[in-house]
C-alpha cells in the first residue's frame, strides 16, 4: 500500500477512521483545523497554510474555517486575510487545565526544583497531542536565559526527551500505533536513528527511571525526562521534563544530578 505523507490531501469522502461507524469525520477534521494553530502563530493562518498543516483539501478547509468562524472558534482579519483562534478555544483549554489535579499538585514542586537548579533550567509537565507533546505546566527559575516554551507549546513526540519518555510508558497498543505513524511519516534515512533513540529511552527508564536526551531534539538543548503513570485507571501517561541550553546542562551533570532529582520529584507527586 502506498504511504501517504502528513501533508497529502484527503479526499472529501475518505474515511479518517478506517470504517468506524461511530466516528464523526467532520468533527475530527474541525478539531484538526484548531490544532493546526500554534502559540507562535502571531500573524494567524490562511486557508492554504491550514491545509498544508492538516493535509486536508482546500475546499474542505474553506467550509471548516467558515463554520468555526460562525461559531466564534476562529476570528478573521479582513486586512491580512488570516484566521486567529477565538476566545471559546481558550475557554476549552482553561477548562482542561482547571480539571488537572496533577498539575495543581506538581506545579509548586516543579518551581522549587527549577529554582534550585538555577538560571536557564525549565521544568515542565506534558501530555500527548497526536504526534506531539503539549506542555500543561511550566516552571522556570528567575533569569533571562530560558527555553522559549510555555503552557500550550508543542514539541516532537518522537524526538524530544518528554515524548520518548511518554512512549516508554505507553500501553503496548498505543506504542505500536505511535511507531506505525512514525514509520509512515518519517523519511527512510532518518527512521533508524529515531527508532534507536526511542529504544534507548525505554532502556534508560527501565534501568534507572529517567531518560537523558543529549541534543537529539535540538543540537543546543539537553534534557532529562521521567514518565508519570496515573493511579487512576484509564488516565493516559504524562511526562515530566527538565531541560535547558546544553552549555548549562552538560551530560554528566544532567545524568548524575538532575535526572535523579527529577525522578524524586515524580515519586513525591506519586505518593500524594
Protein backbone atom coordinates (compact mmCIF):
# COMPACT_ATOMS: atom_id res chain seq x y z
CA UNK A 1 0.00 0.00 0.00
CA UNK A 2 1.31 3.45 -0.91
CA UNK A 3 2.19 5.57 2.11
CA UNK A 4 0.66 9.00 2.39
CA UNK A 5 2.74 11.92 3.62
CA UNK A 6 1.36 14.03 6.51
CA UNK A 7 0.53 16.84 4.11
CA UNK A 8 -1.06 14.68 1.42
CA UNK A 9 -4.67 15.80 0.88
CA UNK A 10 -7.56 13.62 1.92
CA UNK A 11 -10.47 13.18 -0.44
CA UNK A 12 -13.71 14.60 0.88
CA UNK A 13 -15.25 11.15 1.07
CA UNK A 14 -12.22 9.42 2.59
CA UNK A 15 -12.95 7.85 5.96
CA UNK A 16 -10.49 9.15 8.57
CA UNK A 17 -11.40 6.35 10.99
CA UNK A 18 -10.98 3.28 8.81
CA UNK A 19 -14.67 2.42 8.64
CA UNK A 20 -15.63 3.08 12.27
CA UNK A 21 -19.33 3.98 12.01
CA UNK A 22 -19.30 5.74 15.39
CA UNK A 23 -16.51 8.09 14.33
CA UNK A 24 -17.65 11.56 13.21
CA UNK A 25 -15.21 12.53 10.49
CA UNK A 26 -16.45 16.12 10.19
CA UNK A 27 -15.87 16.74 13.89
CA UNK A 28 -12.41 15.21 13.67
CA UNK A 29 -11.47 17.46 10.78
CA UNK A 30 -12.79 20.57 12.52
CA UNK A 31 -10.68 19.81 15.55
CA UNK A 32 -7.66 19.21 13.31
CA UNK A 33 -8.10 22.74 11.98
CA UNK A 34 -7.99 24.16 15.51
CA UNK A 35 -4.97 22.01 16.37
CA UNK A 36 -3.12 23.44 13.37
CA UNK A 37 -2.68 26.73 15.23
CA UNK A 38 0.47 27.13 17.32
CA UNK A 39 1.34 29.57 20.11
CA UNK A 40 3.87 31.37 17.88
CA UNK A 41 1.41 31.99 15.01
CA UNK A 42 1.20 35.67 15.88
CA UNK A 43 0.03 36.69 12.41
CA UNK A 44 -2.61 33.96 12.16
CA UNK A 45 -3.03 31.40 9.39
CA UNK A 46 -4.60 31.48 5.96
CA UNK A 47 -6.61 28.63 4.46
CA UNK A 48 -3.63 27.47 2.41
CA UNK A 49 -1.38 27.20 5.48
CA UNK A 50 -4.08 25.35 7.41
CA UNK A 51 -4.46 22.94 4.50
CA UNK A 52 -0.71 22.30 4.46
CA UNK A 53 -0.63 21.59 8.19
CA UNK A 54 -3.67 19.33 8.27
CA UNK A 55 -3.34 17.58 4.92
CA UNK A 56 -6.98 18.40 4.12
CA UNK A 57 -8.18 19.70 0.72
CA UNK A 58 -8.56 23.45 0.29
CA UNK A 59 -12.30 23.09 -0.37
CA UNK A 60 -12.76 21.25 2.93
CA UNK A 61 -10.69 23.82 4.80
CA UNK A 62 -12.80 26.66 3.43
CA UNK A 63 -16.01 25.07 4.74
CA UNK A 64 -14.48 24.24 8.11
CA UNK A 65 -12.99 27.68 8.72
CA UNK A 66 -16.30 29.28 7.70
CA UNK A 67 -18.18 27.13 10.24
CA UNK A 68 -15.65 27.72 13.01
CA UNK A 69 -15.77 31.45 12.26
CA UNK A 70 -19.57 31.48 12.60
CA UNK A 71 -19.28 29.69 15.96
CA UNK A 72 -16.61 32.06 17.27
CA UNK A 73 -13.84 29.47 17.48
CA UNK A 74 -11.95 31.42 14.82
CA UNK A 75 -11.77 35.16 14.15
CA UNK A 76 -10.96 36.65 10.75
CA UNK A 77 -8.74 39.62 10.00
CA UNK A 78 -10.03 41.40 6.88
CA UNK A 79 -6.72 43.22 6.47
CA UNK A 80 -4.48 40.15 6.33
CA UNK A 81 -6.98 37.53 5.20
CA UNK A 82 -5.89 35.28 8.05
CA UNK A 83 -7.60 33.50 10.92
CA UNK A 84 -6.74 33.51 14.59
CA UNK A 85 -8.07 31.33 17.40
CA UNK A 86 -11.10 32.78 19.16
CA UNK A 87 -11.89 33.08 22.87
CA UNK A 88 -14.09 29.92 23.02
CA UNK A 89 -10.99 27.82 22.29
CA UNK A 90 -9.24 29.45 25.23
CA UNK A 91 -12.14 28.51 27.48
CA UNK A 92 -11.73 24.87 26.47
CA UNK A 93 -8.03 25.00 27.31
CA UNK A 94 -8.68 26.62 30.68
CA UNK A 95 -11.32 24.00 31.45
CA UNK A 96 -8.75 21.29 30.77
CA UNK A 97 -6.11 22.93 32.97
CA UNK A 98 -8.63 23.60 35.71
CA UNK A 99 -9.53 19.93 35.85
CA UNK A 100 -5.94 18.74 36.17
CA UNK A 101 -5.29 17.78 39.78
CA UNK A 102 -1.85 16.52 38.77
CA UNK A 103 -0.89 19.97 37.52
CA UNK A 104 -2.07 21.62 40.74
CA UNK A 105 -0.11 19.19 42.91
CA UNK A 106 3.04 19.18 40.80
CA UNK A 107 3.48 22.84 39.91
CA UNK A 108 4.78 24.09 43.32
CA UNK A 109 7.30 21.24 43.43
CA UNK A 110 8.33 21.91 39.85
CA UNK A 111 9.01 25.54 40.74
CA UNK A 112 11.10 24.51 43.74
CA UNK A 113 13.21 22.25 41.55
CA UNK A 114 13.64 24.90 38.86
CA UNK A 115 14.74 27.47 41.48
CA UNK A 116 17.19 25.00 42.98
CA UNK A 117 18.72 24.15 39.59
CA UNK A 118 19.33 27.77 38.63
CA UNK A 119 19.03 30.14 35.70
CA UNK A 120 18.26 28.64 32.32
CA UNK A 121 16.56 25.49 33.64
CA UNK A 122 12.91 24.79 32.93
CA UNK A 123 10.78 22.03 34.44
CA UNK A 124 7.66 21.05 32.51
CA UNK A 125 4.76 18.62 32.56
CA UNK A 126 3.19 17.45 29.32
CA UNK A 127 0.82 15.02 27.69
CA UNK A 128 0.42 13.55 24.24
CA UNK A 129 -1.34 15.51 21.50
CA UNK A 130 -1.23 13.42 18.33
CA UNK A 131 2.42 13.15 17.31
CA UNK A 132 3.41 15.97 19.66
CA UNK A 133 3.70 16.57 23.38
CA UNK A 134 1.85 19.61 24.73
CA UNK A 135 3.03 21.45 27.84
CA UNK A 136 0.32 21.76 30.50
CA UNK A 137 2.58 23.23 33.20
CA UNK A 138 5.94 25.03 33.17
CA UNK A 139 8.24 26.31 35.90
CA UNK A 140 11.46 28.24 35.37
CA UNK A 141 13.95 29.96 37.63
CA UNK A 142 14.15 33.75 37.62
CA UNK A 143 16.60 34.93 34.97
CA UNK A 144 16.90 35.99 31.36
CA UNK A 145 18.10 32.67 29.93
CA UNK A 146 15.45 30.07 29.30
CA UNK A 147 13.88 27.88 26.64
CA UNK A 148 11.13 29.82 24.89
CA UNK A 149 8.40 27.32 25.70
CA UNK A 150 5.21 27.84 27.68
CA UNK A 151 1.89 26.19 28.51
CA UNK A 152 0.39 25.15 25.19
CA UNK A 153 3.73 24.74 23.42
CA UNK A 154 4.07 21.55 21.41
CA UNK A 155 7.25 19.58 20.86
CA UNK A 156 8.07 16.40 18.98
CA UNK A 157 6.70 13.17 20.41
CA UNK A 158 9.41 11.01 18.84
CA UNK A 159 12.49 13.24 19.15
CA UNK A 160 12.16 15.03 22.49
CA UNK A 161 13.04 13.66 25.92
CA UNK A 162 9.48 14.18 27.12
CA UNK A 163 7.98 12.44 24.10
CA UNK A 164 10.27 9.44 24.26
CA UNK A 165 9.61 9.06 27.99
CA UNK A 166 5.90 9.07 27.20
CA UNK A 167 6.32 6.37 24.56
CA UNK A 168 8.29 4.24 27.02
CA UNK A 169 5.36 4.32 29.47
CA UNK A 170 2.54 3.99 26.93
CA UNK A 171 0.45 0.85 26.72
CA UNK A 172 1.64 -1.62 24.06
CA UNK A 173 -1.26 -0.86 21.72
CA UNK A 174 -0.71 2.89 21.85
CA UNK A 175 3.05 2.45 21.43
CA UNK A 176 2.56 0.37 18.29
CA UNK A 177 0.18 2.98 16.92
CA UNK A 178 2.76 5.71 17.51
CA UNK A 179 5.52 3.69 15.85
CA UNK A 180 3.29 2.90 12.87
CA UNK A 181 2.61 6.60 12.33
CA UNK A 182 6.30 7.36 12.78
CA UNK A 183 7.25 4.86 10.08
CA UNK A 184 4.64 6.30 7.73
CA UNK A 185 5.69 9.92 8.18
CA UNK A 186 9.46 9.78 8.59
CA UNK A 187 11.96 9.86 5.71
CA UNK A 188 13.70 6.44 5.45
CA UNK A 189 17.13 7.94 6.07
CA UNK A 190 16.01 9.38 9.45
CA UNK A 191 13.95 6.46 10.72
CA UNK A 192 16.68 4.17 12.15
CA UNK A 193 18.20 6.97 14.25
CA UNK A 194 14.82 7.96 15.72
CA UNK A 195 13.83 4.35 16.46
CA UNK A 196 17.20 3.78 18.16
CA UNK A 197 16.60 6.87 20.31
CA UNK A 198 13.15 5.64 21.35
CA UNK A 199 14.55 2.25 22.29
CA UNK A 200 17.41 3.91 24.19
CA UNK A 201 14.83 5.88 26.18
CA UNK A 202 12.96 2.69 27.05
CA UNK A 203 16.13 1.01 28.27
CA UNK A 204 17.29 4.02 30.30
CA UNK A 205 13.93 4.35 32.04
CA UNK A 206 13.83 0.63 32.74
CA UNK A 207 17.31 0.68 34.29
CA UNK A 208 17.40 4.00 36.19
CA UNK A 209 13.95 5.58 35.99
CA UNK A 210 14.78 8.57 33.74
CA UNK A 211 15.88 9.29 30.19
CA UNK A 212 18.63 11.74 29.23
CA UNK A 213 18.33 13.25 25.77
CA UNK A 214 21.60 14.83 24.67
CA UNK A 215 20.99 17.16 21.74
CA UNK A 216 18.59 14.86 19.90
CA UNK A 217 15.62 17.22 19.97
CA UNK A 218 17.69 20.31 19.20
CA UNK A 219 21.51 20.26 18.99
CA UNK A 220 21.93 23.01 21.59
CA UNK A 221 19.39 21.66 24.11
CA UNK A 222 19.82 18.84 26.63
CA UNK A 223 17.00 17.42 28.73
CA UNK A 224 16.02 14.64 31.08
CA UNK A 225 12.52 13.21 31.40
CA UNK A 226 10.53 10.85 33.63
CA UNK A 227 7.18 9.30 32.67
CA UNK A 228 4.24 9.53 35.05
CA UNK A 229 1.55 6.84 35.29
CA UNK A 230 -1.65 7.97 36.97
CA UNK A 231 -3.05 5.78 39.75
CA UNK A 232 -6.50 6.41 38.26
CA UNK A 233 -7.39 3.65 35.81
CA UNK A 234 -7.91 4.87 32.27
CA UNK A 235 -5.88 8.06 32.54
CA UNK A 236 -3.15 8.34 29.88
CA UNK A 237 0.52 8.62 30.86
CA UNK A 238 2.17 12.01 31.12
CA UNK A 239 5.81 13.01 31.43
CA UNK A 240 7.91 15.44 33.46
CA UNK A 241 10.84 17.14 31.81
CA UNK A 242 13.85 19.18 32.93
CA UNK A 243 15.82 20.91 30.20
CA UNK A 244 17.88 23.88 29.16
CA UNK A 245 20.75 25.07 26.97
CA UNK A 246 23.41 22.42 26.51
CA UNK A 247 26.18 24.63 27.90
CA UNK A 248 24.26 24.86 31.19
CA UNK A 249 23.34 21.18 31.23
CA UNK A 250 26.43 19.11 30.36
CA UNK A 251 25.68 15.39 30.06
CA UNK A 252 27.45 14.45 33.30
CA UNK A 253 25.51 16.92 35.41
CA UNK A 254 22.26 16.09 33.64
CA UNK A 255 22.58 12.38 34.35
CA UNK A 256 24.27 12.44 37.76
CA UNK A 257 22.41 15.32 39.40
CA UNK A 258 19.30 16.50 37.59
CA UNK A 259 17.98 13.13 36.44
CA UNK A 260 17.79 11.73 40.00
CA UNK A 261 16.28 14.98 41.28
CA UNK A 262 13.53 14.93 38.66
CA UNK A 263 12.87 11.27 39.42
CA UNK A 264 12.47 12.11 43.11
CA UNK A 265 10.00 14.88 42.23
CA UNK A 266 7.86 12.41 40.26
CA UNK A 267 8.00 9.89 43.10
CA UNK A 268 6.93 12.59 45.56
CA UNK A 269 3.98 13.52 43.35
CA UNK A 270 3.06 9.84 43.03
CA UNK A 271 2.99 9.44 46.80
CA UNK A 272 0.40 12.21 47.00
